[in-house]
Amino acid sequence: MNRTVKKDALFICIFFFITHAYFFQGGGWNQNCRVCLVRAMLHERTFAIGSFLEPSATPGIDFANTGDWSYYKGRYYINKSPGLSMLALAPFAVGEYAARHVFPSDTARQVLAGTYVATVFTAGICGALLCAALFYMMSVLFKLPRARALLLTFFFGLGTLVLSYATTLYSHVPAAFFSFLSFVLAMHIRQGGSRHRKTAAVLSGLAASLAVLIEPSTVLMLVFVFLFLLGFGGGRTIALLFLAGCIPCGFLQCFYNAVCFGGPFQSSYAYANDAVMVRVDGSLFGVPRFATMAAMLFLPYRGLFVSSPVMLMALPGAVVLFRAKQLRPEALLCVAVSVVFFVWMAGFRAWYGGSTIGPRYLLPAFPFFFMLAVCALQCCPRIFAVLGALSILINTGITVIGNEIPCKVMNPLADVIVPNILRGAVSINPTPVSDFSAYPSLYALLDIDSWALNFNSFNLGEFLFPYSLLSLVPLVVLWVVVACIWQRCSS
């Protein structure tokens, strides 16, 4: 890898890290349950979160701060994999400790500060590293010209849901990064670019298994990367080393399951709160339906091509990519991951993802899907540019306004994002991470018209321009500064 590519990758990482750190999408049941586990590990040295669940005054809802819990033998746990909370432990501790000296008697602000720092150094930094990995893949392994690789990276980083979810304490972006990193390392081995093939194979397995520890659905990526490694010379040895790299995270998951749920292969989902888990005949998954697939792709409610139109270029791009014989194995893997992951999520009974925007469950497959689009830029530059620019406008708007939107809103872009931009609002999500005493009825959090402005979600510019689009001015200034330094270092 030459010095120019290294510098570009570094500045891409810095650019997107600054961008992600600038925004914080606030609380929600998904984020809050992960914070409960962090606080339980940090303050009580346990995986049980009962001490951090806040009683609810709303009939029919057990706890105010989260309904995403599992119950086993008298103790409460989160109903998710523990990987994200484990990654968030150290940054949360630093943020909470610092806030304790600024707000010594305000526990809610301490928790909010810890959650913001944890979000930045999990989802935020993983989103930035994902963009850098994508640029590396296109520049070094796909050998695209520098300008094209840079443009495509910005289309991906600013023009897909990765942007807003990298500012939210969700598992999807970290899982996407580690899954894609596993693939990058595997591709590097296949192309003979790694002098340390065995080490790279172990690291590829470690990355893939860490993704599964964070988000179980990425086990599909782990399987496909393993099969990919089997498909070339020396593949058996490399594949075994890949599996060896999976052992630490696999052991950690089994240990967590055994401690919390009585056995290494027991799952939190088996004991999850029935009020939030959509089951039919006891199953979370069913046969994928065409209506669900259409909704996940084309309809305003959760359509992939509605929130990220640039992804449409994967269709012609895949055709062009398959024509390049030297990249056909990579093209096949990306198609397999994209199609199988999509169909699998279409069979998930809660495919819509609750109070959110876009098909968030598809996010771990986003980099694989986007890799199918990269070759379309050369054959359809104008269409790609238009769709890319439109995608950047849409996803910047989502990130500025907020991605925590009640699931009853059937057209989040038209009904929430655009109207709030037109009235100059920012950071509209009022849901706190802790201390729900101001919400005697949690149903008020489902009524957007009654939301009051506060700093439970925010961007850093609001410390100068509260609740105003002017709060974006400092970010634009930071972008210009980074671009100028980038240009000077590249010349």
Protein backbone atom coordinates (compact mmCIF):
# COMPACT_ATOMS: atom_id res chain seq x y z
CA MET A 1 0.00 0.00 0.00
CA ASN A 2 1.58 3.28 -1.11
CA ARG A 3 1.84 6.41 1.02
CA THR A 4 -0.93 8.24 -0.81
CA VAL A 5 -3.44 5.47 -0.10
CA LYS A 6 -2.36 5.39 3.56
CA LYS A 7 -2.80 9.15 3.90
CA ASP A 8 -6.16 9.06 2.16
CA ALA A 9 -7.39 6.23 4.37
CA LEU A 10 -6.23 8.09 7.48
CA PHE A 11 -7.99 11.32 6.53
CA ILE A 12 -11.14 9.44 5.55
CA CYS A 13 -11.13 7.91 9.01
CA ILE A 14 -10.58 11.32 10.65
CA PHE A 15 -13.26 13.00 8.51
CA PHE A 16 -15.94 10.44 9.33
CA PHE A 17 -14.94 10.12 12.98
CA ILE A 18 -15.38 13.89 13.41
CA THR A 19 -18.70 13.72 11.58
CA HIS A 20 -20.02 10.83 13.66
CA ALA A 21 -18.82 12.33 16.94
CA TYR A 22 -20.63 15.58 16.11
CA PHE A 23 -24.06 13.95 16.42
CA PHE A 24 -25.77 11.95 19.17
CA GLN A 25 -29.20 10.45 18.56
CA GLY A 26 -30.17 10.05 22.20
CA GLY A 27 -31.93 7.27 24.02
CA GLY A 28 -34.39 4.53 23.17
CA TRP A 29 -35.16 1.07 24.47
CA ASN A 30 -32.47 -0.54 22.31
CA GLN A 31 -29.72 1.85 23.38
CA ASN A 32 -30.86 2.03 26.99
CA CYS A 33 -30.77 -1.72 27.59
CA ARG A 34 -27.16 -1.79 26.38
CA VAL A 35 -26.34 1.05 28.78
CA CYS A 36 -27.98 -0.93 31.58
CA LEU A 37 -25.59 -3.82 30.91
CA VAL A 38 -22.61 -1.45 30.79
CA ARG A 39 -23.59 0.06 34.15
CA ALA A 40 -24.19 -3.39 35.64
CA MET A 41 -20.73 -4.60 34.58
CA LEU A 42 -19.07 -1.35 35.63
CA HIS A 43 -20.71 -0.77 39.01
CA GLU A 44 -21.90 -4.18 40.18
CA ARG A 45 -19.60 -6.62 38.32
CA THR A 46 -22.59 -8.55 37.04
CA PHE A 47 -24.49 -9.19 33.80
CA ALA A 48 -27.86 -8.79 35.53
CA ILE A 49 -29.41 -5.38 34.85
CA GLY A 50 -32.23 -5.36 37.43
CA SER A 51 -30.67 -2.58 39.53
CA PHE A 52 -30.73 -0.23 36.55
CA LEU A 53 -34.28 -0.84 35.32
CA GLU A 54 -36.56 2.08 36.21
CA PRO A 55 -40.13 1.25 37.29
CA SER A 56 -42.81 2.51 34.94
CA ALA A 57 -45.94 4.44 35.91
CA THR A 58 -47.51 3.58 32.55
CA PRO A 59 -50.00 0.68 32.71
CA GLY A 60 -48.91 -2.35 30.71
CA ILE A 61 -45.21 -1.37 30.65
CA ASP A 62 -42.96 -2.87 33.32
CA PHE A 63 -39.98 -0.54 33.07
CA ALA A 64 -39.66 3.01 31.81
CA ASN A 65 -36.15 3.05 30.38
CA THR A 66 -36.32 -0.17 28.34
CA GLY A 67 -38.53 -3.08 27.43
CA ASP A 68 -35.63 -4.93 25.78
CA TRP A 69 -35.01 -7.36 28.62
CA SER A 70 -34.90 -11.08 29.23
CA TYR A 71 -35.97 -12.76 32.47
CA TYR A 72 -34.39 -15.96 33.79
CA LYS A 73 -34.66 -17.43 37.30
CA GLY A 74 -35.59 -14.19 39.01
CA ARG A 75 -33.03 -11.94 37.29
CA TYR A 76 -33.23 -9.50 34.40
CA TYR A 77 -30.74 -9.39 31.52
CA ILE A 78 -30.66 -7.62 28.17
CA ASN A 79 -32.37 -9.51 25.35
CA LYS A 80 -29.41 -8.99 23.01
CA SER A 81 -25.87 -10.21 22.53
CA PRO A 82 -23.41 -8.60 24.94
CA GLY A 83 -20.66 -7.61 22.48
CA LEU A 84 -21.58 -3.96 21.99
CA SER A 85 -21.93 -3.34 25.73
CA MET A 86 -18.56 -4.97 26.31
CA LEU A 87 -16.95 -2.68 23.72
CA ALA A 88 -18.71 0.30 25.28
CA LEU A 89 -17.59 -0.44 28.83
CA ALA A 90 -14.28 1.47 28.87
CA PRO A 91 -15.42 4.62 26.98
CA PHE A 92 -18.61 4.79 29.05
CA ALA A 93 -16.56 4.63 32.25
CA VAL A 94 -14.35 7.50 31.05
CA GLY A 95 -17.33 9.65 30.03
CA GLU A 96 -19.24 9.01 33.23
CA TYR A 97 -16.16 9.67 35.38
CA ALA A 98 -15.51 12.99 33.64
CA ALA A 99 -19.16 14.05 33.95
CA ARG A 100 -19.16 13.17 37.65
CA HIS A 101 -16.72 16.03 38.22
CA VAL A 102 -18.84 18.47 36.23
CA PHE A 103 -22.29 17.32 37.46
CA PRO A 104 -21.50 15.68 40.83
CA SER A 105 -25.15 15.40 41.91
CA ASP A 106 -26.81 14.76 38.55
CA THR A 107 -26.71 11.02 37.80
CA ALA A 108 -28.82 11.38 34.65
CA ARG A 109 -26.30 13.73 33.05
CA GLN A 110 -23.45 11.46 34.07
CA VAL A 111 -25.14 8.52 32.35
CA LEU A 112 -25.96 10.64 29.29
CA ALA A 113 -22.34 11.79 29.00
CA GLY A 114 -21.09 8.24 29.39
CA THR A 115 -23.51 7.04 26.72
CA TYR A 116 -22.41 9.76 24.29
CA VAL A 117 -18.71 8.89 24.73
CA ALA A 118 -19.52 5.17 24.45
CA THR A 119 -21.46 5.81 21.23
CA VAL A 120 -18.60 7.80 19.72
CA PHE A 121 -16.01 5.14 20.50
CA THR A 122 -18.10 2.17 19.40
CA ALA A 123 -20.56 2.98 16.61
CA GLY A 124 -18.82 6.23 15.67
CA ILE A 125 -15.29 4.96 15.34
CA CYS A 126 -16.43 1.69 13.73
CA GLY A 127 -18.34 3.70 11.12
CA ALA A 128 -15.22 5.72 10.36
CA LEU A 129 -13.04 2.61 10.14
CA LEU A 130 -15.65 0.96 7.90
CA CYS A 131 -15.37 3.84 5.42
CA ALA A 132 -11.57 3.60 5.52
CA ALA A 133 -11.75 -0.18 4.95
CA LEU A 134 -14.09 0.34 2.02
CA PHE A 135 -11.68 2.87 0.49
CA TYR A 136 -8.79 0.45 1.00
CA MET A 137 -10.74 -2.35 -0.65
CA MET A 138 -11.54 -0.22 -3.70
CA SER A 139 -8.08 1.34 -4.03
CA VAL A 140 -5.77 -1.58 -3.30
CA LEU A 141 -7.76 -4.73 -3.98
CA PHE A 142 -10.16 -3.53 -6.70
CA LYS A 143 -7.48 -1.13 -8.03
CA LEU A 144 -9.90 1.70 -8.77
CA PRO A 145 -8.46 5.16 -9.57
CA ARG A 146 -7.99 7.35 -6.49
CA ALA A 147 -10.64 9.95 -7.39
CA ARG A 148 -13.25 7.28 -8.08
CA ALA A 149 -12.51 5.41 -4.86
CA LEU A 150 -12.75 8.63 -2.85
CA LEU A 151 -16.05 9.62 -4.43
CA LEU A 152 -17.54 6.18 -3.84
CA THR A 153 -16.40 6.23 -0.22
CA PHE A 154 -18.19 9.51 0.41
CA PHE A 155 -21.31 8.26 -1.34
CA PHE A 156 -21.29 5.29 1.04
CA GLY A 157 -20.32 7.13 4.22
CA LEU A 158 -22.64 10.11 3.77
CA GLY A 159 -25.28 8.62 1.49
CA THR A 160 -26.43 5.51 3.36
CA LEU A 161 -27.97 4.78 6.75
CA VAL A 162 -24.47 4.07 8.04
CA LEU A 163 -24.19 7.82 8.68
CA SER A 164 -27.05 8.13 11.17
CA TYR A 165 -26.58 4.73 12.79
CA ALA A 166 -22.91 5.51 13.41
CA THR A 167 -24.24 8.22 15.75
CA THR A 168 -26.52 5.83 17.67
CA LEU A 169 -25.68 3.14 20.22
CA TYR A 170 -26.93 0.32 18.01
CA SER A 171 -25.04 -2.84 17.13
CA HIS A 172 -25.41 -2.69 13.35
CA VAL A 173 -22.52 -0.43 12.31
CA PRO A 174 -19.88 -2.08 14.57
CA ALA A 175 -21.08 -5.48 13.32
CA ALA A 176 -20.87 -4.27 9.71
CA PHE A 177 -17.30 -3.05 10.25
CA PHE A 178 -15.97 -6.26 11.80
CA SER A 179 -17.74 -8.46 9.24
CA PHE A 180 -16.36 -6.41 6.38
CA LEU A 181 -12.89 -6.30 7.95
CA SER A 182 -12.96 -10.10 8.02
CA PHE A 183 -13.73 -10.10 4.29
CA VAL A 184 -11.01 -7.53 3.51
CA LEU A 185 -8.41 -9.66 5.28
CA ALA A 186 -9.62 -12.79 3.47
CA MET A 187 -9.47 -11.05 0.10
CA HIS A 188 -6.00 -9.74 0.91
CA ILE A 189 -4.87 -13.33 1.55
CA ARG A 190 -6.38 -14.58 -1.72
CA GLN A 191 -4.67 -11.88 -3.78
CA GLY A 192 -1.32 -12.72 -2.23
CA GLY A 193 -0.89 -9.27 -0.78
CA SER A 194 -0.26 -10.45 2.76
CA ARG A 195 3.16 -11.72 3.78
CA HIS A 196 1.59 -12.96 7.01
CA ARG A 197 -1.17 -15.18 5.64
CA LYS A 198 -1.59 -17.22 8.79
CA THR A 199 -1.82 -14.16 11.03
CA ALA A 200 -4.27 -12.53 8.64
CA ALA A 201 -6.42 -15.68 8.66
CA VAL A 202 -6.58 -15.71 12.46
CA LEU A 203 -7.42 -12.00 12.55
CA SER A 204 -10.10 -12.54 9.92
CA GLY A 205 -11.73 -15.16 12.13
CA LEU A 206 -11.41 -12.94 15.19
CA ALA A 207 -13.10 -10.06 13.36
CA ALA A 208 -15.91 -12.24 12.01
CA SER A 209 -16.62 -13.78 15.41
CA LEU A 210 -16.51 -10.39 17.14
CA ALA A 211 -19.18 -9.24 14.70
CA VAL A 212 -21.33 -12.22 15.77
CA LEU A 213 -20.74 -11.40 19.45
CA ILE A 214 -22.05 -7.92 18.68
CA GLU A 215 -24.88 -8.87 16.29
CA PRO A 216 -25.81 -12.58 15.89
CA SER A 217 -27.20 -12.16 12.37
CA THR A 218 -23.64 -11.68 11.05
CA VAL A 219 -23.00 -15.40 11.51
CA LEU A 220 -24.00 -15.54 7.84
CA MET A 221 -20.99 -13.39 6.92
CA LEU A 222 -18.74 -15.60 9.03
CA VAL A 223 -19.93 -18.69 7.13
CA PHE A 224 -19.47 -17.07 3.70
CA VAL A 225 -15.97 -15.78 4.48
CA PHE A 226 -15.03 -19.27 5.72
CA LEU A 227 -16.28 -20.79 2.45
CA PHE A 228 -14.46 -18.08 0.51
CA LEU A 229 -11.18 -19.02 2.21
CA LEU A 230 -11.72 -22.68 1.37
CA GLY A 231 -11.94 -21.83 -2.32
CA PHE A 232 -8.30 -21.11 -3.14
CA GLY A 233 -4.86 -22.70 -2.81
CA GLY A 234 -3.93 -23.62 0.74
CA GLY A 235 -7.50 -22.85 1.70
CA ARG A 236 -7.91 -25.69 4.18
CA THR A 237 -5.06 -24.56 6.39
CA ILE A 238 -6.13 -20.93 6.13
CA ALA A 239 -9.76 -21.84 6.89
CA LEU A 240 -8.72 -23.79 9.99
CA LEU A 241 -6.72 -20.81 11.20
CA PHE A 242 -9.79 -18.67 10.54
CA LEU A 243 -11.82 -20.96 12.80
CA ALA A 244 -9.08 -20.78 15.43
CA GLY A 245 -9.48 -16.99 15.40
CA CYS A 246 -13.18 -17.47 16.19
CA ILE A 247 -12.48 -19.31 19.44
CA PRO A 248 -11.98 -16.35 21.87
CA CYS A 249 -15.24 -14.58 21.00
CA GLY A 250 -17.06 -17.91 20.78
CA PHE A 251 -15.84 -18.81 24.25
CA LEU A 252 -16.88 -15.39 25.58
CA GLN A 253 -20.39 -15.79 24.15
CA CYS A 254 -20.72 -19.28 25.63
CA PHE A 255 -19.46 -18.04 29.00
CA TYR A 256 -21.99 -15.21 28.98
CA ASN A 257 -24.83 -17.59 28.04
CA ALA A 258 -23.85 -20.05 30.77
CA VAL A 259 -23.63 -17.40 33.47
CA CYS A 260 -26.90 -15.69 32.52
CA PHE A 261 -29.12 -18.44 31.12
CA GLY A 262 -27.80 -21.70 32.50
CA GLY A 263 -25.96 -23.15 29.50
CA PRO A 264 -23.39 -22.20 26.85
CA PHE A 265 -25.89 -22.61 24.02
CA GLN A 266 -28.85 -20.95 25.72
CA SER A 267 -29.94 -17.66 24.19
CA SER A 268 -31.24 -14.42 25.66
CA TYR A 269 -33.92 -14.44 22.97
CA ALA A 270 -35.50 -17.57 24.48
CA TYR A 271 -36.31 -15.62 27.65
CA ALA A 272 -37.03 -12.21 26.11
CA ASN A 273 -39.92 -9.93 27.00
CA ASP A 274 -42.90 -11.20 25.02
CA ALA A 275 -44.29 -7.67 24.76
CA VAL A 276 -41.51 -6.64 22.37
CA MET A 277 -40.59 -9.93 20.68
CA VAL A 278 -42.82 -10.75 17.72
CA ARG A 279 -43.34 -14.51 17.69
CA VAL A 280 -45.69 -16.83 15.83
CA ASP A 281 -45.92 -20.37 17.21
CA GLY A 282 -42.90 -19.54 19.36
CA SER A 283 -40.69 -18.59 16.41
CA LEU A 284 -39.09 -15.23 15.64
CA PHE A 285 -38.67 -16.19 11.97
CA GLY A 286 -41.07 -17.35 9.31
CA VAL A 287 -41.15 -17.86 5.56
CA PRO A 288 -40.02 -14.65 3.77
CA ARG A 289 -42.90 -12.98 1.95
CA PHE A 290 -42.69 -10.99 -1.27
CA ALA A 291 -44.74 -8.20 0.33
CA THR A 292 -42.15 -7.86 3.08
CA MET A 293 -39.30 -7.88 0.56
CA ALA A 294 -40.99 -5.15 -1.46
CA ALA A 295 -41.51 -3.08 1.68
CA MET A 296 -37.85 -3.48 2.66
CA LEU A 297 -36.71 -2.25 -0.75
CA PHE A 298 -39.22 0.15 -2.25
CA LEU A 299 -41.88 1.43 0.14
CA PRO A 300 -41.49 4.69 2.10
CA TYR A 301 -41.90 2.98 5.47
CA ARG A 302 -38.58 1.09 5.52
CA GLY A 303 -37.45 0.97 1.90
CA LEU A 304 -33.72 0.62 1.32
CA PHE A 305 -33.88 2.42 -2.02
CA VAL A 306 -36.00 5.18 -0.47
CA SER A 307 -33.50 6.05 2.27
CA SER A 308 -30.38 5.19 0.21
CA PRO A 309 -31.15 5.53 -3.54
CA VAL A 310 -27.48 5.11 -4.39
CA MET A 311 -27.84 1.42 -3.51
CA LEU A 312 -29.83 1.00 -6.74
CA MET A 313 -26.50 1.08 -8.55
CA ALA A 314 -25.67 -2.35 -7.12
CA LEU A 315 -27.93 -3.89 -9.76
CA PRO A 316 -25.98 -2.77 -12.87
CA GLY A 317 -22.74 -2.76 -10.87
CA ALA A 318 -23.01 -6.47 -10.09
CA VAL A 319 -23.23 -7.26 -13.81
CA VAL A 320 -20.08 -5.25 -14.54
CA LEU A 321 -18.25 -6.76 -11.56
CA PHE A 322 -18.94 -10.33 -12.68
CA ARG A 323 -17.33 -9.55 -16.04
CA ALA A 324 -14.00 -8.99 -14.28
CA LYS A 325 -12.85 -12.60 -14.02
CA GLN A 326 -10.12 -11.88 -11.47
CA LEU A 327 -12.74 -10.50 -9.05
CA ARG A 328 -15.45 -13.07 -9.67
CA PRO A 329 -15.00 -14.90 -6.31
CA GLU A 330 -15.35 -11.58 -4.47
CA ALA A 331 -18.37 -10.65 -6.57
CA LEU A 332 -19.96 -14.01 -5.80
CA LEU A 333 -19.40 -13.58 -2.08
CA CYS A 334 -20.89 -10.07 -2.07
CA VAL A 335 -23.93 -11.25 -4.01
CA ALA A 336 -24.38 -14.26 -1.75
CA VAL A 337 -24.11 -12.18 1.44
CA SER A 338 -26.45 -9.49 0.11
CA VAL A 339 -29.14 -11.84 -1.19
CA VAL A 340 -29.10 -14.42 1.62
CA PHE A 341 -28.93 -11.78 4.36
CA PHE A 342 -31.80 -9.85 2.78
CA VAL A 343 -34.00 -12.94 2.43
CA TRP A 344 -33.18 -14.02 5.98
CA MET A 345 -34.15 -10.62 7.41
CA ALA A 346 -37.31 -10.64 5.30
CA GLY A 347 -38.32 -13.75 7.26
CA PHE A 348 -37.80 -11.99 10.59
CA ARG A 349 -41.23 -11.22 11.99
CA ALA A 350 -40.12 -7.85 13.41
CA TRP A 351 -38.29 -6.89 10.19
CA TYR A 352 -39.36 -3.23 10.51
CA GLY A 353 -37.13 -2.69 13.53
CA GLY A 354 -39.43 -0.76 15.86
CA SER A 355 -39.08 2.99 16.33
CA THR A 356 -36.44 3.73 13.76
CA ILE A 357 -35.92 4.69 10.14
CA GLY A 358 -34.97 2.54 7.16
CA PRO A 359 -34.24 -1.21 7.18
CA ARG A 360 -31.74 -1.11 10.04
CA TYR A 361 -31.43 -4.89 10.27
CA LEU A 362 -29.86 -4.90 6.80
CA LEU A 363 -27.03 -2.57 7.85
CA PRO A 364 -24.43 -5.31 8.51
CA ALA A 365 -24.71 -6.26 4.82
CA PHE A 366 -24.48 -2.67 3.54
CA PRO A 367 -20.73 -2.69 2.70
CA PHE A 368 -21.08 -5.98 0.81
CA PHE A 369 -24.09 -4.65 -1.10
CA PHE A 370 -22.32 -1.39 -1.88
CA MET A 371 -19.28 -3.22 -3.24
CA LEU A 372 -21.55 -4.51 -6.00
CA ALA A 373 -22.27 -0.90 -6.97
CA VAL A 374 -18.72 0.39 -7.30
CA CYS A 375 -18.21 -0.73 -10.89
CA ALA A 376 -21.37 1.07 -12.03
CA LEU A 377 -19.76 4.49 -11.57
CA GLN A 378 -17.67 4.09 -14.69
CA CYS A 379 -20.52 2.92 -16.94
CA CYS A 380 -23.29 5.19 -15.55
CA PRO A 381 -21.47 8.20 -14.04
CA ARG A 382 -24.31 10.72 -14.31
CA ILE A 383 -27.00 8.48 -12.86
CA PHE A 384 -24.63 7.40 -10.09
CA ALA A 385 -23.77 11.02 -9.28
CA VAL A 386 -27.44 12.06 -9.12
CA LEU A 387 -28.42 9.12 -6.91
CA GLY A 388 -25.34 9.64 -4.75
CA ALA A 389 -26.05 13.34 -4.23
CA LEU A 390 -29.72 12.61 -3.44
CA SER A 391 -28.66 9.93 -0.96
CA ILE A 392 -26.31 12.33 0.80
CA LEU A 393 -29.10 14.91 1.16
CA ILE A 394 -31.50 12.29 2.56
CA ASN A 395 -29.09 10.74 5.06
CA THR A 396 -27.65 14.03 6.20
CA GLY A 397 -31.22 15.13 6.89
CA ILE A 398 -31.92 11.94 8.85
CA THR A 399 -28.78 12.41 10.92
CA VAL A 400 -29.52 16.07 11.64
CA ILE A 401 -33.15 15.48 12.63
CA GLY A 402 -32.98 12.01 14.17
CA ASN A 403 -33.46 8.34 13.36
CA GLU A 404 -35.55 7.43 16.42
CA ILE A 405 -39.00 7.76 14.84
CA PRO A 406 -42.08 5.95 16.21
CA CYS A 407 -42.97 2.87 14.18
CA LYS A 408 -46.54 4.10 13.58
CA VAL A 409 -45.15 6.78 11.21
CA MET A 410 -45.57 5.21 7.78
CA ASN A 411 -43.46 7.70 5.80
CA PRO A 412 -40.64 8.94 8.06
CA LEU A 413 -38.96 11.05 5.37
CA ALA A 414 -42.06 12.91 4.19
CA ASP A 415 -43.84 13.10 7.55
CA VAL A 416 -40.95 13.79 9.93
CA ILE A 417 -37.55 14.52 8.35
CA VAL A 418 -38.53 17.03 5.65
CA PRO A 419 -41.06 19.02 7.77
CA ASN A 420 -38.56 19.40 10.60
CA ILE A 421 -35.82 20.54 8.23
CA LEU A 422 -38.18 23.12 6.75
CA ARG A 423 -39.00 24.52 10.18
CA GLY A 424 -35.31 24.57 11.13
CA ALA A 425 -35.41 21.91 13.85
CA VAL A 426 -32.59 19.57 14.80
CA SER A 427 -32.14 16.60 17.17
CA ILE A 428 -35.83 16.02 17.85
CA ASN A 429 -35.64 12.73 19.80
CA PRO A 430 -36.54 13.57 23.43
CA THR A 431 -36.04 10.06 24.86
CA PRO A 432 -33.55 10.05 27.74
CA VAL A 433 -31.10 7.28 28.53
CA SER A 434 -32.08 7.28 32.19
CA ASP A 435 -34.33 9.20 34.62
CA PHE A 436 -37.79 9.01 33.06
CA SER A 437 -39.42 10.98 35.88
CA ALA A 438 -40.45 13.69 33.38
CA TYR A 439 -42.49 11.10 31.42
CA PRO A 440 -45.32 9.82 33.64
CA SER A 441 -46.84 8.37 30.46
CA LEU A 442 -44.43 6.68 28.09
CA TYR A 443 -47.03 6.88 25.34
CA ALA A 444 -46.14 10.57 25.06
CA LEU A 445 -42.86 9.45 23.50
CA LEU A 446 -44.86 7.97 20.62
CA ASP A 447 -46.57 11.28 19.84
CA ILE A 448 -44.12 13.42 17.86
CA ASP A 449 -46.41 16.45 18.00
CA SER A 450 -45.99 16.58 21.78
CA TRP A 451 -42.21 16.26 21.81
CA ALA A 452 -40.43 19.09 23.63
CA LEU A 453 -36.93 20.19 22.69
CA ASN A 454 -34.17 19.14 25.08
CA PHE A 455 -30.61 17.85 25.02
CA ASN A 456 -31.32 14.13 25.31
CA SER A 457 -30.23 14.05 21.66
CA PHE A 458 -27.99 16.74 20.25
CA ASN A 459 -25.23 17.81 17.94
CA LEU A 460 -22.15 19.56 19.29
CA GLY A 461 -22.99 22.79 17.47
CA GLU A 462 -26.09 23.18 19.62
CA PHE A 463 -23.88 24.33 22.47
CA LEU A 464 -23.49 27.50 20.36
CA PHE A 465 -26.78 27.48 18.44
CA PRO A 466 -29.37 25.48 20.44
CA TYR A 467 -32.17 23.78 18.49
CA SER A 468 -31.13 25.48 15.24
CA LEU A 469 -29.84 24.47 11.83
CA LEU A 470 -27.07 27.02 12.45
CA SER A 471 -25.60 24.37 14.74
CA LEU A 472 -24.29 22.68 11.59
CA VAL A 473 -21.98 25.62 10.77
CA PRO A 474 -19.12 24.43 13.06
CA LEU A 475 -19.25 21.01 11.40
CA VAL A 476 -18.92 22.54 7.94
CA VAL A 477 -15.94 24.56 9.22
CA LEU A 478 -14.35 21.37 10.55
CA TRP A 479 -14.91 19.67 7.20
CA VAL A 480 -13.18 22.54 5.39
CA VAL A 481 -10.23 22.44 7.80
CA VAL A 482 -9.83 18.67 7.38
CA ALA A 483 -10.11 19.00 3.58
CA CYS A 484 -7.43 21.72 3.49
CA ILE A 485 -5.03 19.70 5.64
CA TRP A 486 -5.77 16.64 3.52
CA GLN A 487 -5.02 18.51 0.29
CA ARG A 488 -1.79 19.98 1.67
CA CYS A 489 -0.54 16.60 2.90
CA SER A 490 -1.42 14.96 -0.43
CA SER A 491 0.39 17.52 -2.59
